[in-house]
Structures are given as C-alpha cells and as structure tokens.
Amino acid sequence: MLIHLSRLPDVIADGRTCKENGRTYWQDIPEFSFWFSEEALHVHAIHDIDLGNCPLTWQQQAQRYKAANTFAALYLSALTPSITHEWKSIQRITRDTLTQALEVEIVSYSQIRRAGIYIPAAAQWLLHSAPLIWEFCKRKCLCSGDMEERDWIGGSDGSEALWQGEDGFRVERWVFWKERFADVARLKRKGFAGRVIDDVVMCARDAGKMMGAVEQEDAFALDGLAMVFDGDGASS
C-alpha cells in the first residue's frame, strides 16, 4: 500500500506542491519512517516490563517488535532508491536494529531476556532483505568515515558497544554481525531463560544461513561458521 501511495500524483494546494519537512506528498511518503520508528519500534526496558511499568508483557513486547521489524524488512525490500528520504531512513532503521541486537553483550539474565526481544527481530532483516543489506555494506552506505559513537547500547539492559569500527554499513561490519549471530547460535540453555535461548539460537541460525547464502552468491564466505548455523556449534 505504501509503495502504491508513493506513486500517486503530487498533492497540489494553491498552485504549490504540498510538502512536510521537505518531503513531497505522496512520492516521499512524508514522516512515515519517523513515526513508525517512534511508535512501532519503541522497546521498553526489561526492568520496566518486569515491574509492570509499561502496558506490555515481555511476550507481547517481543511479538510486537518482531512483527514491526518483519514489516519494515519487507518494506525495505519493496522500496526503491528513487524514494530518497524514505530509502535512507529505512537504511538507518536497519543499521540501528542490527546494532541494538548484535553489538551488545548477551551474558546476564536481563541481557538474555533483552536478546529474546532483539535477536528474533534483527533476524527478520536478514531473512527478508539480506541481499540489500549486503549491497549496503559493499557500497559503504551511511558511512562518513568517522568512528561509531555508541559508548553504551541497550540502556540498563545493554553493555558497552562491541563494535569499535567506523560508522555506517561496511563489509567488516557485516562480518562482525555474522560472527555475533554465530556467538548467539552457540548459547547454552540457562535455567528459566531456556526457552528464550532456544528461540534466539534458532533465529540466529536462520539469519546466519541467509547471510552465508548471500555471500556464496557473491563468492565471499567466512570459513568455519556454516556448521554453527547448521546446529553443530550449539547444544541444548
């Protein structure tokens, strides 16, 4: 629907094209990605969920965030670079989602529960848009040449940023993300978090396999990770 909306004729009022923040109605789909990010992609902190300080249970939050990212990943796959503002906005959402999921530690109980929300959602981007993300990395999209300035990710449930490279998409970051999916795929069951770990391990394996398939098509591969995503590198 959104893509069809972008193909509608420009809205004209008093002889002028209607715009919002420099974006034309309807070809630029004004403000959609901003409000989608603000509303659908908002995630409550684990301690707020557990204390009942938000309207969602942990399971509801996980389901909502996964569904929103599945939609966003499918939206990205349907977009074209001609919708310039929206294209770049969704690129940023893609990068930020993968960053929040993969560039933090997953050690403590709260971090594992946080991963149960973020990893399945991040996996959707690879399952539905991996070839595009790979192209972003090869073309160094959103790269300014500056070091990534993310000292702390994930708030009270996160950690210091694990990615210490430059900002934006780049092949090195793709490699890092794939290695992090491999780390997640190796997670062992831990008591009450067993079911959460089972889900994130499965999602990490699926995402890693898709990344490997994209690399193979481009004659690029990371040796030694295929068996992890096939299930040989993790135990229940």
C-alpha atoms as a PDB file:
ATOM      1  CA  MET A   1       0.000   0.000   0.000  1.00  0.00           C
ATOM      2  CA  LEU A   2       2.767   2.450   0.906  1.00  0.00           C
ATOM      3  CA  ILE A   3       4.563   1.845  -2.379  1.00  0.00           C
ATOM      4  CA  HIS A   4       1.352   2.446  -4.323  1.00  0.00           C
ATOM      5  CA  LEU A   5       0.790   5.575  -2.234  1.00  0.00           C
ATOM      6  CA  SER A   6       4.196   6.909  -3.311  1.00  0.00           C
ATOM      7  CA  ARG A   7       3.120   6.591  -6.953  1.00  0.00           C
ATOM      8  CA  LEU A   8       0.112   8.884  -6.572  1.00  0.00           C
ATOM      9  CA  PRO A   9       0.280  12.333  -8.189  1.00  0.00           C
ATOM     10  CA  ASP A  10       1.713  15.129  -6.059  1.00  0.00           C
ATOM     11  CA  VAL A  11      -0.776  16.926  -3.838  1.00  0.00           C
ATOM     12  CA  ILE A  12      -1.208  20.492  -5.074  1.00  0.00           C
ATOM     13  CA  ALA A  13      -2.663  23.318  -2.978  1.00  0.00           C
ATOM     14  CA  ASP A  14      -2.792  26.949  -4.101  1.00  0.00           C
ATOM     15  CA  GLY A  15      -0.651  26.019  -7.067  1.00  0.00           C
ATOM     16  CA  ARG A  16       2.129  24.576  -4.908  1.00  0.00           C
ATOM     17  CA  THR A  17       3.243  21.034  -4.164  1.00  0.00           C
ATOM     18  CA  CYS A  18       2.404  20.084  -0.578  1.00  0.00           C
ATOM     19  CA  LYS A  19       5.423  19.107   1.492  1.00  0.00           C
ATOM     20  CA  GLU A  20       6.261  18.305   5.092  1.00  0.00           C
ATOM     21  CA  ASN A  21       9.834  18.776   6.294  1.00  0.00           C
ATOM     22  CA  GLY A  22      10.922  18.956   2.663  1.00  0.00           C
ATOM     23  CA  ARG A  23       9.188  15.711   1.717  1.00  0.00           C
ATOM     24  CA  THR A  24       6.581  15.702  -1.026  1.00  0.00           C
ATOM     25  CA  TYR A  25       3.079  14.267  -0.676  1.00  0.00           C
ATOM     26  CA  TRP A  26       2.900  11.485  -1.792  1.00  0.00           C
ATOM     27  CA  GLN A  27       6.055  10.420  -3.547  1.00  0.00           C
ATOM     28  CA  ASP A  28       8.292  10.768  -0.464  1.00  0.00           C
ATOM     29  CA  ILE A  29       5.758   9.180   1.943  1.00  0.00           C
ATOM     30  CA  PRO A  30       6.333  12.060   4.396  1.00  0.00           C
ATOM     31  CA  GLU A  31       7.154  11.231   8.009  1.00  0.00           C
ATOM     32  CA  PHE A  32       6.139   7.572   7.780  1.00  0.00           C
ATOM     33  CA  SER A  33       9.511   6.099   8.737  1.00  0.00           C
ATOM     34  CA  PHE A  34       9.945   8.630  11.562  1.00  0.00           C
ATOM     35  CA  TRP A  35       6.638   7.849  13.245  1.00  0.00           C
ATOM     36  CA  PHE A  36       6.968   4.139  12.551  1.00  0.00           C
ATOM     37  CA  SER A  37      10.323   4.195  14.324  1.00  0.00           C
ATOM     38  CA  GLU A  38       8.965   6.259  17.222  1.00  0.00           C
ATOM     39  CA  GLU A  39       5.866   4.135  17.799  1.00  0.00           C
ATOM     40  CA  ALA A  40       6.134   0.610  16.371  1.00  0.00           C
ATOM     41  CA  LEU A  41       9.856   0.171  17.048  1.00  0.00           C
ATOM     42  CA  HIS A  42       9.887   1.513  20.593  1.00  0.00           C
ATOM     43  CA  VAL A  43      11.060  -1.111  23.092  1.00  0.00           C
ATOM     44  CA  HIS A  44      10.583  -0.881  26.846  1.00  0.00           C
ATOM     45  CA  ALA A  45      13.473  -1.720  29.161  1.00  0.00           C
ATOM     46  CA  ILE A  46      13.373  -5.214  30.651  1.00  0.00           C
ATOM     47  CA  HIS A  47      13.186  -3.970  34.252  1.00  0.00           C
ATOM     48  CA  ASP A  48      10.194  -1.754  33.355  1.00  0.00           C
ATOM     49  CA  ILE A  49       8.441  -4.730  31.758  1.00  0.00           C
ATOM     50  CA  ASP A  50       9.141  -6.955  34.767  1.00  0.00           C
ATOM     51  CA  LEU A  51       7.980  -4.299  37.238  1.00  0.00           C
ATOM     52  CA  GLY A  52       4.770  -3.688  35.295  1.00  0.00           C
ATOM     53  CA  ASN A  53       5.755  -0.108  34.488  1.00  0.00           C
ATOM     54  CA  CYS A  54       4.645  -0.421  30.863  1.00  0.00           C
ATOM     55  CA  PRO A  55       1.458  -1.660  29.154  1.00  0.00           C
ATOM     56  CA  LEU A  56       3.090  -4.744  27.600  1.00  0.00           C
ATOM     57  CA  THR A  57       4.227  -8.095  28.954  1.00  0.00           C
ATOM     58  CA  TRP A  58       7.627  -9.421  27.845  1.00  0.00           C
ATOM     59  CA  GLN A  59       5.989 -11.789  25.352  1.00  0.00           C
ATOM     60  CA  GLN A  60       3.780  -9.037  23.934  1.00  0.00           C
ATOM     61  CA  GLN A  61       6.787  -6.740  23.551  1.00  0.00           C
ATOM     62  CA  ALA A  62       8.791  -9.463  21.793  1.00  0.00           C
ATOM     63  CA  GLN A  63       5.942 -10.301  19.424  1.00  0.00           C
ATOM     64  CA  ARG A  64       5.208  -6.655  18.651  1.00  0.00           C
ATOM     65  CA  TYR A  65       8.838  -5.782  17.968  1.00  0.00           C
ATOM     66  CA  LYS A  66       9.373  -8.833  15.771  1.00  0.00           C
ATOM     67  CA  ALA A  67       6.217  -8.095  13.763  1.00  0.00           C
ATOM     68  CA  ALA A  68       7.205  -4.443  13.301  1.00  0.00           C
ATOM     69  CA  ASN A  69      10.679  -5.358  12.091  1.00  0.00           C
ATOM     70  CA  THR A  70       9.297  -8.035   9.770  1.00  0.00           C
ATOM     71  CA  PHE A  71       7.096  -5.375   8.186  1.00  0.00           C
ATOM     72  CA  ALA A  72       9.992  -2.916   7.974  1.00  0.00           C
ATOM     73  CA  ALA A  73      12.273  -5.506   6.353  1.00  0.00           C
ATOM     74  CA  LEU A  74       9.623  -6.338   3.751  1.00  0.00           C
ATOM     75  CA  TYR A  75       9.079  -2.611   3.208  1.00  0.00           C
ATOM     76  CA  LEU A  76      12.804  -2.152   2.577  1.00  0.00           C
ATOM     77  CA  SER A  77      12.797  -4.963   0.023  1.00  0.00           C
ATOM     78  CA  ALA A  78       9.928  -3.242  -1.819  1.00  0.00           C
ATOM     79  CA  LEU A  79      11.397   0.302  -1.719  1.00  0.00           C
ATOM     80  CA  THR A  80      13.498   1.823  -4.467  1.00  0.00           C
ATOM     81  CA  PRO A  81      16.298   4.403  -4.086  1.00  0.00           C
ATOM     82  CA  SER A  82      14.150   6.872  -6.033  1.00  0.00           C
ATOM     83  CA  ILE A  83      12.152   7.423  -2.818  1.00  0.00           C
ATOM     84  CA  THR A  84      15.277   9.075  -1.464  1.00  0.00           C
ATOM     85  CA  HIS A  85      14.251  10.242   2.006  1.00  0.00           C
ATOM     86  CA  GLU A  86      12.418   7.051   2.879  1.00  0.00           C
ATOM     87  CA  TRP A  87      15.212   4.868   1.468  1.00  0.00           C
ATOM     88  CA  LYS A  88      17.817   6.471   3.714  1.00  0.00           C
ATOM     89  CA  SER A  89      15.514   6.481   6.732  1.00  0.00           C
ATOM     90  CA  ILE A  90      14.853   2.748   6.448  1.00  0.00           C
ATOM     91  CA  GLN A  91      18.580   2.151   5.939  1.00  0.00           C
ATOM     92  CA  ARG A  92      19.191   3.839   9.294  1.00  0.00           C
ATOM     93  CA  ILE A  93      16.486   1.755  10.961  1.00  0.00           C
ATOM     94  CA  THR A  94      18.106  -1.385   9.515  1.00  0.00           C
ATOM     95  CA  ARG A  95      21.533  -0.436  10.845  1.00  0.00           C
ATOM     96  CA  ASP A  96      20.223   0.604  14.241  1.00  0.00           C
ATOM     97  CA  THR A  97      18.187  -2.585  14.703  1.00  0.00           C
ATOM     98  CA  LEU A  98      21.191  -4.789  13.918  1.00  0.00           C
ATOM     99  CA  THR A  99      23.345  -2.625  16.167  1.00  0.00           C
ATOM    100  CA  GLN A 100      20.964  -2.895  19.119  1.00  0.00           C
ATOM    101  CA  ALA A 101      20.691  -6.650  18.714  1.00  0.00           C
ATOM    102  CA  LEU A 102      24.227  -7.706  17.875  1.00  0.00           C
ATOM    103  CA  GLU A 103      26.644  -5.101  19.178  1.00  0.00           C
ATOM    104  CA  VAL A 104      25.960  -5.718  22.879  1.00  0.00           C
ATOM    105  CA  GLU A 105      26.898  -8.409  25.369  1.00  0.00           C
ATOM    106  CA  ILE A 106      24.455 -11.260  25.992  1.00  0.00           C
ATOM    107  CA  VAL A 107      25.631 -12.583  29.343  1.00  0.00           C
ATOM    108  CA  SER A 108      23.407 -11.563  32.254  1.00  0.00           C
ATOM    109  CA  TYR A 109      19.847 -12.764  32.733  1.00  0.00           C
ATOM    110  CA  SER A 110      18.388  -9.370  31.740  1.00  0.00           C
ATOM    111  CA  GLN A 111      20.650  -9.240  28.668  1.00  0.00           C
ATOM    112  CA  ILE A 112      19.432 -12.695  27.612  1.00  0.00           C
ATOM    113  CA  ARG A 113      15.829 -11.577  28.053  1.00  0.00           C
ATOM    114  CA  ARG A 114      16.625  -8.441  26.063  1.00  0.00           C
ATOM    115  CA  ALA A 115      18.175 -10.605  23.334  1.00  0.00           C
ATOM    116  CA  GLY A 116      14.913 -12.559  23.255  1.00  0.00           C
ATOM    117  CA  ILE A 117      13.267  -9.380  22.007  1.00  0.00           C
ATOM    118  CA  TYR A 118      16.019  -8.017  19.752  1.00  0.00           C
ATOM    119  CA  ILE A 119      17.608 -11.073  18.092  1.00  0.00           C
ATOM    120  CA  PRO A 120      14.415 -12.515  16.523  1.00  0.00           C
ATOM    121  CA  ALA A 121      13.557  -9.017  15.260  1.00  0.00           C
ATOM    122  CA  ALA A 122      17.030  -8.419  13.823  1.00  0.00           C
ATOM    123  CA  ALA A 123      16.944 -11.808  12.130  1.00  0.00           C
ATOM    124  CA  GLN A 124      13.927 -10.679  10.093  1.00  0.00           C
ATOM    125  CA  TRP A 125      16.074  -8.115   8.278  1.00  0.00           C
ATOM    126  CA  LEU A 126      18.401 -10.859   7.070  1.00  0.00           C
ATOM    127  CA  LEU A 127      15.616 -13.292   6.251  1.00  0.00           C
ATOM    128  CA  HIS A 128      13.782 -10.751   4.078  1.00  0.00           C
ATOM    129  CA  SER A 129      16.410  -8.245   2.938  1.00  0.00           C
ATOM    130  CA  ALA A 130      19.860  -9.856   3.249  1.00  0.00           C
ATOM    131  CA  PRO A 131      20.916  -9.180  -0.389  1.00  0.00           C
ATOM    132  CA  LEU A 132      20.106  -5.480   0.013  1.00  0.00           C
ATOM    133  CA  ILE A 133      21.949  -5.207   3.329  1.00  0.00           C
ATOM    134  CA  TRP A 134      24.963  -6.927   1.758  1.00  0.00           C
ATOM    135  CA  GLU A 135      24.886  -4.348  -1.048  1.00  0.00           C
ATOM    136  CA  PHE A 136      24.668  -1.542   1.526  1.00  0.00           C
ATOM    137  CA  CYS A 137      27.804  -2.933   3.164  1.00  0.00           C
ATOM    138  CA  LYS A 138      29.721  -3.272  -0.088  1.00  0.00           C
ATOM    139  CA  ARG A 139      28.790   0.280  -1.075  1.00  0.00           C
ATOM    140  CA  LYS A 140      29.523   1.648   2.419  1.00  0.00           C
ATOM    141  CA  CYS A 141      26.120   3.273   2.736  1.00  0.00           C
ATOM    142  CA  LEU A 142      25.682   5.800   5.560  1.00  0.00           C
ATOM    143  CA  CYS A 143      29.459   5.870   6.056  1.00  0.00           C
ATOM    144  CA  SER A 144      31.011   9.201   6.969  1.00  0.00           C
ATOM    145  CA  GLY A 145      34.451   7.846   7.800  1.00  0.00           C
ATOM    146  CA  ASP A 146      34.007   8.644  11.493  1.00  0.00           C
ATOM    147  CA  MET A 147      34.315   6.118  14.293  1.00  0.00           C
ATOM    148  CA  GLU A 148      30.997   4.845  15.580  1.00  0.00           C
ATOM    149  CA  GLU A 149      29.981   6.863  18.643  1.00  0.00           C
ATOM    150  CA  ARG A 150      27.979   4.356  20.681  1.00  0.00           C
ATOM    151  CA  ASP A 151      29.587   4.092  24.102  1.00  0.00           C
ATOM    152  CA  TRP A 152      26.596   2.305  25.607  1.00  0.00           C
ATOM    153  CA  ILE A 153      23.819   0.391  23.866  1.00  0.00           C
ATOM    154  CA  GLY A 154      20.632  -1.005  25.291  1.00  0.00           C
ATOM    155  CA  GLY A 155      20.277   1.231  28.330  1.00  0.00           C
ATOM    156  CA  SER A 156      20.244  -0.556  31.673  1.00  0.00           C
ATOM    157  CA  ASP A 157      19.979  -3.944  29.927  1.00  0.00           C
ATOM    158  CA  GLY A 158      22.824  -3.362  27.472  1.00  0.00           C
ATOM    159  CA  SER A 159      26.583  -3.022  27.600  1.00  0.00           C
ATOM    160  CA  GLU A 160      29.465  -1.095  26.165  1.00  0.00           C
ATOM    161  CA  ALA A 161      29.366  -1.181  22.384  1.00  0.00           C
ATOM    162  CA  LEU A 162      31.184  -4.219  20.990  1.00  0.00           C
ATOM    163  CA  TRP A 163      31.657  -2.745  17.529  1.00  0.00           C
ATOM    164  CA  GLN A 164      34.720  -0.495  17.581  1.00  0.00           C
ATOM    165  CA  GLY A 165      34.923   0.205  13.854  1.00  0.00           C
ATOM    166  CA  GLU A 166      33.758   3.060  11.665  1.00  0.00           C
ATOM    167  CA  ASP A 167      30.126   4.066  11.283  1.00  0.00           C
ATOM    168  CA  GLY A 168      27.593   3.028   8.661  1.00  0.00           C
ATOM    169  CA  PHE A 169      27.371  -0.141   6.622  1.00  0.00           C
ATOM    170  CA  ARG A 170      30.590  -1.837   5.582  1.00  0.00           C
ATOM    171  CA  VAL A 171      31.761  -5.364   4.801  1.00  0.00           C
ATOM    172  CA  GLU A 172      33.737  -5.512   8.049  1.00  0.00           C
ATOM    173  CA  ARG A 173      30.568  -4.791   9.995  1.00  0.00           C
ATOM    174  CA  TRP A 174      28.646  -7.430   8.054  1.00  0.00           C
ATOM    175  CA  VAL A 175      31.372  -9.906   9.058  1.00  0.00           C
ATOM    176  CA  PHE A 176      31.096  -8.752  12.672  1.00  0.00           C
ATOM    177  CA  TRP A 177      27.299  -9.142  12.636  1.00  0.00           C
ATOM    178  CA  LYS A 178      27.600 -12.644  11.211  1.00  0.00           C
ATOM    179  CA  GLU A 179      30.148 -13.601  13.854  1.00  0.00           C
ATOM    180  CA  ARG A 180      27.815 -12.261  16.533  1.00  0.00           C
ATOM    181  CA  PHE A 181      24.947 -14.356  15.155  1.00  0.00           C
ATOM    182  CA  ALA A 182      27.347 -17.311  15.418  1.00  0.00           C
ATOM    183  CA  ASP A 183      28.062 -16.413  19.063  1.00  0.00           C
ATOM    184  CA  VAL A 184      24.332 -16.311  19.767  1.00  0.00           C
ATOM    185  CA  ALA A 185      23.840 -19.655  17.998  1.00  0.00           C
ATOM    186  CA  ARG A 186      26.315 -21.172  20.484  1.00  0.00           C
ATOM    187  CA  LEU A 187      24.413 -20.028  23.579  1.00  0.00           C
ATOM    188  CA  LYS A 188      23.603 -22.739  26.088  1.00  0.00           C
ATOM    189  CA  ARG A 189      20.341 -23.120  27.998  1.00  0.00           C
ATOM    190  CA  LYS A 190      20.304 -21.293  31.352  1.00  0.00           C
ATOM    191  CA  GLY A 191      17.573 -22.245  33.804  1.00  0.00           C
ATOM    192  CA  PHE A 192      14.431 -20.159  33.459  1.00  0.00           C
ATOM    193  CA  ALA A 193      15.824 -18.495  30.318  1.00  0.00           C
ATOM    194  CA  GLY A 194      15.969 -21.819  28.480  1.00  0.00           C
ATOM    195  CA  ARG A 195      13.013 -21.158  26.190  1.00  0.00           C
ATOM    196  CA  VAL A 196      14.225 -17.644  25.399  1.00  0.00           C
ATOM    197  CA  ILE A 197      17.640 -19.015  24.451  1.00  0.00           C
ATOM    198  CA  ASP A 198      16.089 -21.736  22.282  1.00  0.00           C
ATOM    199  CA  ASP A 199      14.278 -19.058  20.264  1.00  0.00           C
ATOM    200  CA  VAL A 200      17.245 -16.709  19.850  1.00  0.00           C
ATOM    201  CA  VAL A 201      19.510 -19.623  18.872  1.00  0.00           C
ATOM    202  CA  MET A 202      17.071 -20.723  16.179  1.00  0.00           C
ATOM    203  CA  CYS A 203      16.671 -17.175  14.841  1.00  0.00           C
ATOM    204  CA  ALA A 204      20.444 -16.616  14.864  1.00  0.00           C
ATOM    205  CA  ARG A 205      20.985 -19.826  12.899  1.00  0.00           C
ATOM    206  CA  ASP A 206      18.374 -18.850  10.298  1.00  0.00           C
ATOM    207  CA  ALA A 207      19.875 -15.363   9.897  1.00  0.00           C
ATOM    208  CA  GLY A 208      23.413 -16.741   9.658  1.00  0.00           C
ATOM    209  CA  LYS A 209      22.397 -19.245   6.999  1.00  0.00           C
ATOM    210  CA  MET A 210      20.838 -16.471   4.934  1.00  0.00           C
ATOM    211  CA  MET A 211      23.979 -14.352   5.257  1.00  0.00           C
ATOM    212  CA  GLY A 212      26.055 -17.315   4.143  1.00  0.00           C
ATOM    213  CA  ALA A 213      23.801 -17.872   1.128  1.00  0.00           C
ATOM    214  CA  VAL A 214      24.170 -14.237   0.078  1.00  0.00           C
ATOM    215  CA  GLU A 215      27.942 -14.418   0.468  1.00  0.00           C
ATOM    216  CA  GLN A 216      28.094 -17.621  -1.548  1.00  0.00           C
ATOM    217  CA  GLU A 217      26.258 -15.997  -4.428  1.00  0.00           C
ATOM    218  CA  ASP A 218      28.879 -13.257  -4.353  1.00  0.00           C
ATOM    219  CA  ALA A 219      31.830 -15.673  -3.993  1.00  0.00           C
ATOM    220  CA  PHE A 220      32.529 -14.372  -0.480  1.00  0.00           C
ATOM    221  CA  ALA A 221      32.414 -16.604   2.585  1.00  0.00           C
ATOM    222  CA  LEU A 222      33.565 -16.878   6.180  1.00  0.00           C
ATOM    223  CA  ASP A 223      35.108 -20.284   6.748  1.00  0.00           C
ATOM    224  CA  GLY A 224      34.125 -22.204   9.858  1.00  0.00           C
ATOM    225  CA  LEU A 225      30.735 -20.631  10.594  1.00  0.00           C
ATOM    226  CA  ALA A 226      28.488 -22.781   8.388  1.00  0.00           C
ATOM    227  CA  MET A 227      28.475 -25.661  10.875  1.00  0.00           C
ATOM    228  CA  VAL A 228      27.441 -23.293  13.669  1.00  0.00           C
ATOM    229  CA  PHE A 229      24.344 -22.202  11.762  1.00  0.00           C
ATOM    230  CA  ASP A 230      23.583 -25.804  10.811  1.00  0.00           C
ATOM    231  CA  GLY A 231      23.367 -26.599  14.518  1.00  0.00           C
ATOM    232  CA  ASP A 232      26.703 -28.314  15.106  1.00  0.00           C
ATOM    233  CA  GLY A 233      28.120 -25.461  17.168  1.00  0.00           C
ATOM    234  CA  ALA A 234      25.477 -25.213  19.873  1.00  0.00           C
ATOM    235  CA  SER A 235      23.930 -27.572  22.379  1.00  0.00           C
ATOM    236  CA  SER A 236      20.679 -27.565  24.258  1.00  0.00           C
END
